[in-house]
Amino acid sequence: MKYRIRDIENFVTKAYCVTIVQAAKLLGIGQPSLSESLKRLEQDHGALLFYRSRTGIQLTPEGR
């Protein structure tokens, strides 16, 4: 597993924010960049860390 520190920081920030847009603004990056970072972390970890739906994303049990 190759974890990137920035991806982990992005994950923690999103975990504490209500929306991905809010987390992206707090991190000073665009929402698409944050989404890509979270997907990359999931691939590196080999597990789904967030449930994604039209209403937003939430942590899975694995993500918690």
Foldseek 3Di string as FASTA:
>chain_A
DDQDPVLVVLLVLCQPDPALCVSCVVVVHDSVVSVVSPVVVCVVVVHDQWDQDPVHIHGDPVVD
